[in-house]
């Protein structure tokens, strides 16, 4: 399996980061794909196959660490692309939320 689990919602509280500028303050690091729980159950093929999918957004995926789990909030297409290239890790901005 590529991911730890496939989810279809965000079980963590709202964190208030909405713009790329706000997310830019969160430093990127590597995370293992098999530690991620997705927050979307479906992926649009046009997002996966688009050459410019990160042109207007963040270069890094957005991950929320909450209650000991890592949730892939944004960047599912990047994660799947990494898996298709047989990479086990993804560069992501990881926001740690406390309970």
PDB file of N, CA and C in Angstrom:
ATOM      1  N   UNK A   1       0.842  -1.186   0.000  1.00  0.00           N
ATOM      2  CA  UNK A   1       0.000   0.000   0.000  1.00  0.00           C
ATOM      3  C   UNK A   1       0.888   1.251   0.000  1.00  0.00           C
ATOM      4  N   UNK A   2       0.471   2.257  -0.719  1.00  0.00           N
ATOM      5  CA  UNK A   2       1.243   3.492  -0.817  1.00  0.00           C
ATOM      6  C   UNK A   2       1.133   4.314   0.456  1.00  0.00           C
ATOM      7  N   UNK A   3      -0.091   4.492   0.959  1.00  0.00           N
ATOM      8  CA  UNK A   3      -0.345   5.333   2.125  1.00  0.00           C
ATOM      9  C   UNK A   3      -0.705   4.476   3.338  1.00  0.00           C
ATOM     10  N   UNK A   4      -0.592   5.071   4.508  1.00  0.00           N
ATOM     11  CA  UNK A   4      -0.992   4.383   5.732  1.00  0.00           C
ATOM     12  C   UNK A   4      -2.491   4.107   5.710  1.00  0.00           C
ATOM     13  N   UNK A   5      -3.272   5.077   5.255  1.00  0.00           N
ATOM     14  CA  UNK A   5      -4.724   4.933   5.155  1.00  0.00           C
ATOM     15  C   UNK A   5      -5.264   5.952   4.159  1.00  0.00           C
ATOM     16  N   UNK A   6      -6.452   5.659   3.643  1.00  0.00           N
ATOM     17  CA  UNK A   6      -7.143   6.565   2.734  1.00  0.00           C
ATOM     18  C   UNK A   6      -8.336   7.145   3.481  1.00  0.00           C
ATOM     19  N   UNK A   7      -8.312   8.441   3.681  1.00  0.00           N
ATOM     20  CA  UNK A   7      -9.421   9.121   4.345  1.00  0.00           C
ATOM     21  C   UNK A   7     -10.180   9.978   3.360  1.00  0.00           C
ATOM     22  N   UNK A   8     -11.296  10.521   3.805  1.00  0.00           N
ATOM     23  CA  UNK A   8     -12.062  11.409   2.935  1.00  0.00           C
ATOM     24  C   UNK A   8     -12.529  12.662   3.670  1.00  0.00           C
ATOM     25  N   UNK A   9     -11.853  12.975   4.773  1.00  0.00           N
ATOM     26  CA  UNK A   9     -12.191  14.186   5.525  1.00  0.00           C
ATOM     27  C   UNK A   9     -10.986  14.619   6.350  1.00  0.00           C
ATOM     28  N   UNK A  10     -11.114  15.769   6.968  1.00  0.00           N
ATOM     29  CA  UNK A  10     -10.063  16.315   7.830  1.00  0.00           C
ATOM     30  C   UNK A  10     -10.497  16.144   9.286  1.00  0.00           C
ATOM     31  N   UNK A  11      -9.947  15.178  10.004  1.00  0.00           N
ATOM     32  CA  UNK A  11     -10.385  14.920  11.377  1.00  0.00           C
ATOM     33  C   UNK A  11      -9.820  15.902  12.404  1.00  0.00           C
ATOM     34  N   UNK A  12      -8.881  16.691  12.019  1.00  0.00           N
ATOM     35  CA  UNK A  12      -8.219  17.639  12.912  1.00  0.00           C
ATOM     36  C   UNK A  12      -8.945  18.984  12.887  1.00  0.00           C
ATOM     37  N   UNK A  13      -8.726  19.811  13.914  1.00  0.00           N
ATOM     38  CA  UNK A  13      -9.387  21.121  13.949  1.00  0.00           C
ATOM     39  C   UNK A  13      -8.836  22.070  12.885  1.00  0.00           C
ATOM     40  N   UNK A  14      -9.604  23.089  12.568  1.00  0.00           N
ATOM     41  CA  UNK A  14      -9.176  24.095  11.599  1.00  0.00           C
ATOM     42  C   UNK A  14      -7.908  24.776  12.102  1.00  0.00           C
ATOM     43  N   UNK A  15      -6.930  24.898  11.227  1.00  0.00           N
ATOM     44  CA  UNK A  15      -5.650  25.496  11.621  1.00  0.00           C
ATOM     45  C   UNK A  15      -5.508  26.937  11.173  1.00  0.00           C
ATOM     46  N   UNK A  16      -6.359  27.418  10.299  1.00  0.00           N
ATOM     47  CA  UNK A  16      -6.356  28.824   9.913  1.00  0.00           C
ATOM     48  C   UNK A  16      -5.384  29.204   8.811  1.00  0.00           C
ATOM     49  N   UNK A  17      -4.565  28.274   8.312  1.00  0.00           N
ATOM     50  CA  UNK A  17      -3.644  28.594   7.217  1.00  0.00           C
ATOM     51  C   UNK A  17      -4.375  28.364   5.898  1.00  0.00           C
ATOM     52  N   UNK A  18      -4.510  29.417   5.122  1.00  0.00           N
ATOM     53  CA  UNK A  18      -5.255  29.302   3.871  1.00  0.00           C
ATOM     54  C   UNK A  18      -4.466  29.726   2.643  1.00  0.00           C
ATOM     55  N   UNK A  19      -3.482  30.592   2.803  1.00  0.00           N
ATOM     56  CA  UNK A  19      -2.753  31.107   1.645  1.00  0.00           C
ATOM     57  C   UNK A  19      -1.349  30.500   1.571  1.00  0.00           C
ATOM     58  N   UNK A  20      -0.781  30.460   0.370  1.00  0.00           N
ATOM     59  CA  UNK A  20       0.603  29.975   0.252  1.00  0.00           C
ATOM     60  C   UNK A  20       1.584  30.787   1.109  1.00  0.00           C
ATOM     61  N   UNK A  21       1.325  32.078   1.259  1.00  0.00           N
ATOM     62  CA  UNK A  21       2.210  32.917   2.085  1.00  0.00           C
ATOM     63  C   UNK A  21       2.196  32.463   3.546  1.00  0.00           C
ATOM     64  N   UNK A  22       1.018  32.107   4.060  1.00  0.00           N
ATOM     65  CA  UNK A  22       0.925  31.621   5.435  1.00  0.00           C
ATOM     66  C   UNK A  22       1.637  30.271   5.588  1.00  0.00           C
ATOM     67  N   UNK A  23       1.470  29.393   4.618  1.00  0.00           N
ATOM     68  CA  UNK A  23       2.126  28.094   4.667  1.00  0.00           C
ATOM     69  C   UNK A  23       3.644  28.213   4.502  1.00  0.00           C
ATOM     70  N   UNK A  24       4.118  29.280   3.869  1.00  0.00           N
ATOM     71  CA  UNK A  24       5.555  29.450   3.643  1.00  0.00           C
ATOM     72  C   UNK A  24       6.345  29.549   4.938  1.00  0.00           C
ATOM     73  N   UNK A  25       5.689  29.905   6.041  1.00  0.00           N
ATOM     74  CA  UNK A  25       6.372  29.969   7.335  1.00  0.00           C
ATOM     75  C   UNK A  25       6.608  28.593   7.949  1.00  0.00           C
ATOM     76  N   UNK A  26       5.992  27.562   7.389  1.00  0.00           N
ATOM     77  CA  UNK A  26       6.168  26.189   7.881  1.00  0.00           C
ATOM     78  C   UNK A  26       7.297  25.551   7.072  1.00  0.00           C
ATOM     79  N   UNK A  27       8.412  25.183   7.713  1.00  0.00           N
ATOM     80  CA  UNK A  27       9.544  24.645   6.954  1.00  0.00           C
ATOM     81  C   UNK A  27       9.250  23.259   6.377  1.00  0.00           C
ATOM     82  N   UNK A  28       9.712  23.006   5.150  1.00  0.00           N
ATOM     83  CA  UNK A  28       9.495  21.684   4.560  1.00  0.00           C
ATOM     84  C   UNK A  28      10.466  20.651   5.133  1.00  0.00           C
ATOM     85  N   UNK A  29      10.022  19.401   5.098  1.00  0.00           N
ATOM     86  CA  UNK A  29      10.870  18.272   5.477  1.00  0.00           C
ATOM     87  C   UNK A  29      10.373  17.038   4.733  1.00  0.00           C
ATOM     88  N   UNK A  30      11.133  15.987   4.793  1.00  0.00           N
ATOM     89  CA  UNK A  30      10.729  14.755   4.133  1.00  0.00           C
ATOM     90  C   UNK A  30       9.793  13.957   5.041  1.00  0.00           C
ATOM     91  N   UNK A  31       8.767  13.379   4.427  1.00  0.00           N
ATOM     92  CA  UNK A  31       7.874  12.463   5.135  1.00  0.00           C
ATOM     93  C   UNK A  31       7.730  11.208   4.276  1.00  0.00           C
ATOM     94  N   UNK A  32       7.579  10.096   4.946  1.00  0.00           N
ATOM     95  CA  UNK A  32       7.394   8.831   4.243  1.00  0.00           C
ATOM     96  C   UNK A  32       5.943   8.711   3.775  1.00  0.00           C
ATOM     97  N   UNK A  33       5.760   8.265   2.556  1.00  0.00           N
ATOM     98  CA  UNK A  33       4.416   8.099   2.016  1.00  0.00           C
ATOM     99  C   UNK A  33       3.606   7.111   2.839  1.00  0.00           C
ATOM    100  N   UNK A  34       4.255   6.059   3.331  1.00  0.00           N
ATOM    101  CA  UNK A  34       3.518   5.034   4.073  1.00  0.00           C
ATOM    102  C   UNK A  34       3.145   5.462   5.489  1.00  0.00           C
ATOM    103  N   UNK A  35       3.482   6.700   5.878  1.00  0.00           N
ATOM    104  CA  UNK A  35       3.063   7.257   7.161  1.00  0.00           C
ATOM    105  C   UNK A  35       1.896   8.239   7.003  1.00  0.00           C
ATOM    106  N   UNK A  36       1.513   8.520   5.753  1.00  0.00           N
ATOM    107  CA  UNK A  36       0.485   9.528   5.477  1.00  0.00           C
ATOM    108  C   UNK A  36      -0.918   8.936   5.410  1.00  0.00           C
ATOM    109  N   UNK A  37      -1.868   9.695   5.942  1.00  0.00           N
ATOM    110  CA  UNK A  37      -3.285   9.400   5.796  1.00  0.00           C
ATOM    111  C   UNK A  37      -3.859  10.499   4.912  1.00  0.00           C
ATOM    112  N   UNK A  38      -4.486  10.123   3.821  1.00  0.00           N
ATOM    113  CA  UNK A  38      -5.027  11.140   2.926  1.00  0.00           C
ATOM    114  C   UNK A  38      -6.308  11.737   3.502  1.00  0.00           C
ATOM    115  N   UNK A  39      -6.606  12.949   3.106  1.00  0.00           N
ATOM    116  CA  UNK A  39      -7.875  13.579   3.496  1.00  0.00           C
ATOM    117  C   UNK A  39      -8.824  13.665   2.306  1.00  0.00           C
ATOM    118  N   UNK A  40      -8.400  13.113   1.180  1.00  0.00           N
ATOM    119  CA  UNK A  40      -9.233  13.044  -0.025  1.00  0.00           C
ATOM    120  C   UNK A  40      -9.169  11.606  -0.535  1.00  0.00           C
ATOM    121  N   UNK A  41     -10.309  11.052  -0.861  1.00  0.00           N
ATOM    122  CA  UNK A  41     -10.361   9.672  -1.329  1.00  0.00           C
ATOM    123  C   UNK A  41     -10.210   9.566  -2.843  1.00  0.00           C
ATOM    124  N   UNK A  42     -10.339  10.683  -3.558  1.00  0.00           N
ATOM    125  CA  UNK A  42     -10.253  10.641  -5.011  1.00  0.00           C
ATOM    126  C   UNK A  42      -9.217  11.655  -5.507  1.00  0.00           C
ATOM    127  N   UNK A  43      -8.695  11.369  -6.664  1.00  0.00           N
ATOM    128  CA  UNK A  43      -7.701  12.225  -7.300  1.00  0.00           C
ATOM    129  C   UNK A  43      -8.126  12.472  -8.734  1.00  0.00           C
ATOM    130  N   UNK A  44      -8.110  13.711  -9.125  1.00  0.00           N
ATOM    131  CA  UNK A  44      -8.447  14.073 -10.500  1.00  0.00           C
ATOM    132  C   UNK A  44      -7.228  13.807 -11.392  1.00  0.00           C
ATOM    133  N   UNK A  45      -7.443  13.088 -12.474  1.00  0.00           N
ATOM    134  CA  UNK A  45      -6.339  12.781 -13.379  1.00  0.00           C
ATOM    135  C   UNK A  45      -5.717  14.030 -13.984  1.00  0.00           C
ATOM    136  N   UNK A  46      -6.509  15.067 -14.224  1.00  0.00           N
ATOM    137  CA  UNK A  46      -5.928  16.282 -14.786  1.00  0.00           C
ATOM    138  C   UNK A  46      -4.955  16.929 -13.806  1.00  0.00           C
ATOM    139  N   UNK A  47      -5.198  16.819 -12.507  1.00  0.00           N
ATOM    140  CA  UNK A  47      -4.246  17.340 -11.509  1.00  0.00           C
ATOM    141  C   UNK A  47      -2.984  16.487 -11.479  1.00  0.00           C
ATOM    142  N   UNK A  48      -3.141  15.181 -11.623  1.00  0.00           N
ATOM    143  CA  UNK A  48      -1.990  14.281 -11.608  1.00  0.00           C
ATOM    144  C   UNK A  48      -1.103  14.478 -12.828  1.00  0.00           C
ATOM    145  N   UNK A  49      -1.713  14.661 -13.975  1.00  0.00           N
ATOM    146  CA  UNK A  49      -0.959  14.707 -15.229  1.00  0.00           C
ATOM    147  C   UNK A  49      -0.558  16.105 -15.672  1.00  0.00           C
ATOM    148  N   UNK A  50      -1.051  17.133 -15.004  1.00  0.00           N
ATOM    149  CA  UNK A  50      -0.731  18.507 -15.410  1.00  0.00           C
ATOM    150  C   UNK A  50       0.752  18.813 -15.175  1.00  0.00           C
ATOM    151  N   UNK A  51       1.392  19.351 -16.188  1.00  0.00           N
ATOM    152  CA  UNK A  51       2.805  19.706 -16.069  1.00  0.00           C
ATOM    153  C   UNK A  51       3.019  20.908 -15.165  1.00  0.00           C
ATOM    154  N   UNK A  52       2.038  21.792 -15.098  1.00  0.00           N
ATOM    155  CA  UNK A  52       2.186  23.024 -14.326  1.00  0.00           C
ATOM    156  C   UNK A  52       1.361  22.997 -13.047  1.00  0.00           C
ATOM    157  N   UNK A  53       1.167  21.816 -12.453  1.00  0.00           N
ATOM    158  CA  UNK A  53       0.268  21.695 -11.305  1.00  0.00           C
ATOM    159  C   UNK A  53       0.726  22.493 -10.093  1.00  0.00           C
ATOM    160  N   UNK A  54       2.007  22.800 -10.002  1.00  0.00           N
ATOM    161  CA  UNK A  54       2.487  23.599  -8.868  1.00  0.00           C
ATOM    162  C   UNK A  54       2.833  25.028  -9.265  1.00  0.00           C
ATOM    163  N   UNK A  55       2.526  25.414 -10.498  1.00  0.00           N
ATOM    164  CA  UNK A  55       2.903  26.732 -10.983  1.00  0.00           C
ATOM    165  C   UNK A  55       2.283  27.852 -10.154  1.00  0.00           C
ATOM    166  N   UNK A  56       1.026  27.706  -9.785  1.00  0.00           N
ATOM    167  CA  UNK A  56       0.338  28.761  -9.041  1.00  0.00           C
ATOM    168  C   UNK A  56       0.278  28.489  -7.546  1.00  0.00           C
ATOM    169  N   UNK A  57       0.729  27.326  -7.102  1.00  0.00           N
ATOM    170  CA  UNK A  57       0.625  26.973  -5.691  1.00  0.00           C
ATOM    171  C   UNK A  57       1.985  26.744  -5.057  1.00  0.00           C
ATOM    172  N   UNK A  58       1.961  26.077  -3.942  1.00  0.00           N
ATOM    173  CA  UNK A  58       3.168  25.758  -3.192  1.00  0.00           C
ATOM    174  C   UNK A  58       3.888  24.593  -3.864  1.00  0.00           C
ATOM    175  N   UNK A  59       5.203  24.601  -3.839  1.00  0.00           N
ATOM    176  CA  UNK A  59       5.974  23.487  -4.389  1.00  0.00           C
ATOM    177  C   UNK A  59       5.909  22.257  -3.492  1.00  0.00           C
ATOM    178  N   UNK A  60       5.536  22.454  -2.227  1.00  0.00           N
ATOM    179  CA  UNK A  60       5.526  21.368  -1.258  1.00  0.00           C
ATOM    180  C   UNK A  60       4.101  20.989  -0.889  1.00  0.00           C
ATOM    181  N   UNK A  61       3.916  19.714  -0.591  1.00  0.00           N
ATOM    182  CA  UNK A  61       2.623  19.245  -0.097  1.00  0.00           C
ATOM    183  C   UNK A  61       2.398  19.812   1.305  1.00  0.00           C
ATOM    184  N   UNK A  62       1.137  19.824   1.736  1.00  0.00           N
ATOM    185  CA  UNK A  62       0.787  20.311   3.073  1.00  0.00           C
ATOM    186  C   UNK A  62       0.300  19.137   3.915  1.00  0.00           C
ATOM    187  N   UNK A  63       0.976  18.931   5.046  1.00  0.00           N
ATOM    188  CA  UNK A  63       0.674  17.817   5.939  1.00  0.00           C
ATOM    189  C   UNK A  63       0.384  18.371   7.324  1.00  0.00           C
ATOM    190  N   UNK A  64      -0.603  17.787   7.987  1.00  0.00           N
ATOM    191  CA  UNK A  64      -0.948  18.157   9.350  1.00  0.00           C
ATOM    192  C   UNK A  64      -0.595  16.993  10.260  1.00  0.00           C
ATOM    193  N   UNK A  65       0.216  17.277  11.278  1.00  0.00           N
ATOM    194  CA  UNK A  65       0.508  16.269  12.292  1.00  0.00           C
ATOM    195  C   UNK A  65      -0.427  16.514  13.464  1.00  0.00           C
ATOM    196  N   UNK A  66      -1.280  15.512  13.757  1.00  0.00           N
ATOM    197  CA  UNK A  66      -2.277  15.657  14.808  1.00  0.00           C
ATOM    198  C   UNK A  66      -2.493  14.317  15.484  1.00  0.00           C
ATOM    199  N   UNK A  67      -2.390  14.325  16.790  1.00  0.00           N
ATOM    200  CA  UNK A  67      -2.581  13.122  17.598  1.00  0.00           C
ATOM    201  C   UNK A  67      -1.720  11.957  17.121  1.00  0.00           C
ATOM    202  N   UNK A  68      -0.477  12.272  16.765  1.00  0.00           N
ATOM    203  CA  UNK A  68       0.474  11.242  16.382  1.00  0.00           C
ATOM    204  C   UNK A  68       0.353  10.728  14.959  1.00  0.00           C
ATOM    205  N   UNK A  69      -0.546  11.283  14.173  1.00  0.00           N
ATOM    206  CA  UNK A  69      -0.724  10.849  12.781  1.00  0.00           C
ATOM    207  C   UNK A  69      -0.423  11.998  11.835  1.00  0.00           C
ATOM    208  N   UNK A  70      -0.044  11.652  10.617  1.00  0.00           N
ATOM    209  CA  UNK A  70       0.250  12.633   9.575  1.00  0.00           C
ATOM    210  C   UNK A  70      -0.840  12.590   8.523  1.00  0.00           C
ATOM    211  N   UNK A  71      -1.518  13.724   8.325  1.00  0.00           N
ATOM    212  CA  UNK A  71      -2.629  13.828   7.376  1.00  0.00           C
ATOM    213  C   UNK A  71      -2.208  14.666   6.176  1.00  0.00           C
ATOM    214  N   UNK A  72      -2.324  14.110   4.994  1.00  0.00           N
ATOM    215  CA  UNK A  72      -1.991  14.808   3.757  1.00  0.00           C
ATOM    216  C   UNK A  72      -3.170  15.682   3.359  1.00  0.00           C
ATOM    217  N   UNK A  73      -3.071  16.972   3.673  1.00  0.00           N
ATOM    218  CA  UNK A  73      -4.174  17.901   3.410  1.00  0.00           C
ATOM    219  C   UNK A  73      -4.187  18.384   1.967  1.00  0.00           C
ATOM    220  N   UNK A  74      -3.034  18.684   1.420  1.00  0.00           N
ATOM    221  CA  UNK A  74      -2.939  19.198   0.054  1.00  0.00           C
ATOM    222  C   UNK A  74      -1.692  18.610  -0.584  1.00  0.00           C
ATOM    223  N   UNK A  75      -1.817  18.138  -1.812  1.00  0.00           N
ATOM    224  CA  UNK A  75      -0.671  17.584  -2.511  1.00  0.00           C
ATOM    225  C   UNK A  75      -0.806  16.101  -2.817  1.00  0.00           C
ATOM    226  N   UNK A  76      -2.035  15.611  -2.861  1.00  0.00           N
ATOM    227  CA  UNK A  76      -2.242  14.195  -3.175  1.00  0.00           C
ATOM    228  C   UNK A  76      -1.627  13.850  -4.524  1.00  0.00           C
ATOM    229  N   UNK A  77      -1.766  14.739  -5.499  1.00  0.00           N
ATOM    230  CA  UNK A  77      -1.183  14.478  -6.820  1.00  0.00           C
ATOM    231  C   UNK A  77       0.340  14.382  -6.749  1.00  0.00           C
ATOM    232  N   UNK A  78       0.983  15.195  -5.887  1.00  0.00           N
ATOM    233  CA  UNK A  78       2.437  15.109  -5.724  1.00  0.00           C
ATOM    234  C   UNK A  78       2.828  13.770  -5.100  1.00  0.00           C
ATOM    235  N   UNK A  79       2.055  13.337  -4.114  1.00  0.00           N
ATOM    236  CA  UNK A  79       2.344  12.082  -3.432  1.00  0.00           C
ATOM    237  C   UNK A  79       2.194  10.893  -4.379  1.00  0.00           C
ATOM    238  N   UNK A  80       1.138  10.884  -5.167  1.00  0.00           N
ATOM    239  CA  UNK A  80       0.931   9.787  -6.114  1.00  0.00           C
ATOM    240  C   UNK A  80       2.024   9.803  -7.175  1.00  0.00           C
ATOM    241  N   UNK A  81       2.390  10.988  -7.641  1.00  0.00           N
ATOM    242  CA  UNK A  81       3.480  11.090  -8.613  1.00  0.00           C
ATOM    243  C   UNK A  81       4.783  10.529  -8.040  1.00  0.00           C
ATOM    244  N   UNK A  82       5.069  10.828  -6.771  1.00  0.00           N
ATOM    245  CA  UNK A  82       6.261  10.282  -6.118  1.00  0.00           C
ATOM    246  C   UNK A  82       6.205   8.767  -6.081  1.00  0.00           C
ATOM    247  N   UNK A  83       5.047   8.227  -5.736  1.00  0.00           N
ATOM    248  CA  UNK A  83       4.886   6.772  -5.685  1.00  0.00           C
ATOM    249  C   UNK A  83       5.076   6.143  -7.066  1.00  0.00           C
ATOM    250  N   UNK A  84       4.549   6.791  -8.102  1.00  0.00           N
ATOM    251  CA  UNK A  84       4.711   6.265  -9.457  1.00  0.00           C
ATOM    252  C   UNK A  84       6.172   6.260  -9.899  1.00  0.00           C
ATOM    253  N   UNK A  85       6.961   7.167  -9.339  1.00  0.00           N
ATOM    254  CA  UNK A  85       8.395   7.210  -9.622  1.00  0.00           C
ATOM    255  C   UNK A  85       9.183   6.349  -8.642  1.00  0.00           C
ATOM    256  N   UNK A  86       8.484   5.524  -7.881  1.00  0.00           N
ATOM    257  CA  UNK A  86       9.054   4.590  -6.917  1.00  0.00           C
ATOM    258  C   UNK A  86       9.872   5.281  -5.833  1.00  0.00           C
ATOM    259  N   UNK A  87       9.410   6.465  -5.433  1.00  0.00           N
ATOM    260  CA  UNK A  87      10.014   7.170  -4.305  1.00  0.00           C
ATOM    261  C   UNK A  87       9.173   6.915  -3.065  1.00  0.00           C
ATOM    262  N   UNK A  88       9.828   6.696  -1.943  1.00  0.00           N
ATOM    263  CA  UNK A  88       9.124   6.391  -0.694  1.00  0.00           C
ATOM    264  C   UNK A  88       8.877   7.633   0.148  1.00  0.00           C
ATOM    265  N   UNK A  89       9.461   8.763  -0.250  1.00  0.00           N
ATOM    266  CA  UNK A  89       9.322   9.982   0.547  1.00  0.00           C
ATOM    267  C   UNK A  89       8.771  11.125  -0.301  1.00  0.00           C
ATOM    268  N   UNK A  90       8.267  12.123   0.411  1.00  0.00           N
ATOM    269  CA  UNK A  90       7.691  13.317  -0.199  1.00  0.00           C
ATOM    270  C   UNK A  90       8.174  14.517   0.604  1.00  0.00           C
ATOM    271  N   UNK A  91       8.515  15.594  -0.064  1.00  0.00           N
ATOM    272  CA  UNK A  91       8.855  16.829   0.634  1.00  0.00           C
ATOM    273  C   UNK A  91       7.553  17.571   0.936  1.00  0.00           C
ATOM    274  N   UNK A  92       7.352  17.892   2.196  1.00  0.00           N
ATOM    275  CA  UNK A  92       6.096  18.517   2.605  1.00  0.00           C
ATOM    276  C   UNK A  92       6.331  19.515   3.729  1.00  0.00           C
ATOM    277  N   UNK A  93       5.436  20.477   3.791  1.00  0.00           N
ATOM    278  CA  UNK A  93       5.399  21.381   4.947  1.00  0.00           C
ATOM    279  C   UNK A  93       4.514  20.695   5.988  1.00  0.00           C
ATOM    280  N   UNK A  94       5.055  20.445   7.177  1.00  0.00           N
ATOM    281  CA  UNK A  94       4.329  19.718   8.203  1.00  0.00           C
ATOM    282  C   UNK A  94       3.968  20.667   9.334  1.00  0.00           C
ATOM    283  N   UNK A  95       2.676  20.921   9.478  1.00  0.00           N
ATOM    284  CA  UNK A  95       2.163  21.774  10.550  1.00  0.00           C
ATOM    285  C   UNK A  95       1.767  20.873  11.721  1.00  0.00           C
ATOM    286  N   UNK A  96       2.364  21.120  12.876  1.00  0.00           N
ATOM    287  CA  UNK A  96       2.076  20.319  14.061  1.00  0.00           C
ATOM    288  C   UNK A  96       0.975  21.016  14.848  1.00  0.00           C
ATOM    289  N   UNK A  97      -0.149  20.332  15.036  1.00  0.00           N
ATOM    290  CA  UNK A  97      -1.256  20.846  15.841  1.00  0.00           C
ATOM    291  C   UNK A  97      -1.277  20.123  17.174  1.00  0.00           C
ATOM    292  N   UNK A  98      -1.414  20.871  18.250  1.00  0.00           N
ATOM    293  CA  UNK A  98      -1.531  20.270  19.573  1.00  0.00           C
ATOM    294  C   UNK A  98      -2.997  20.031  19.881  1.00  0.00           C
ATOM    295  N   UNK A  99      -3.256  19.034  20.688  1.00  0.00           N
ATOM    296  CA  UNK A  99      -4.649  18.752  21.129  1.00  0.00           C
ATOM    297  C   UNK A  99      -5.122  19.835  22.042  1.00  0.00           C
TER     298      UNK A  99
END
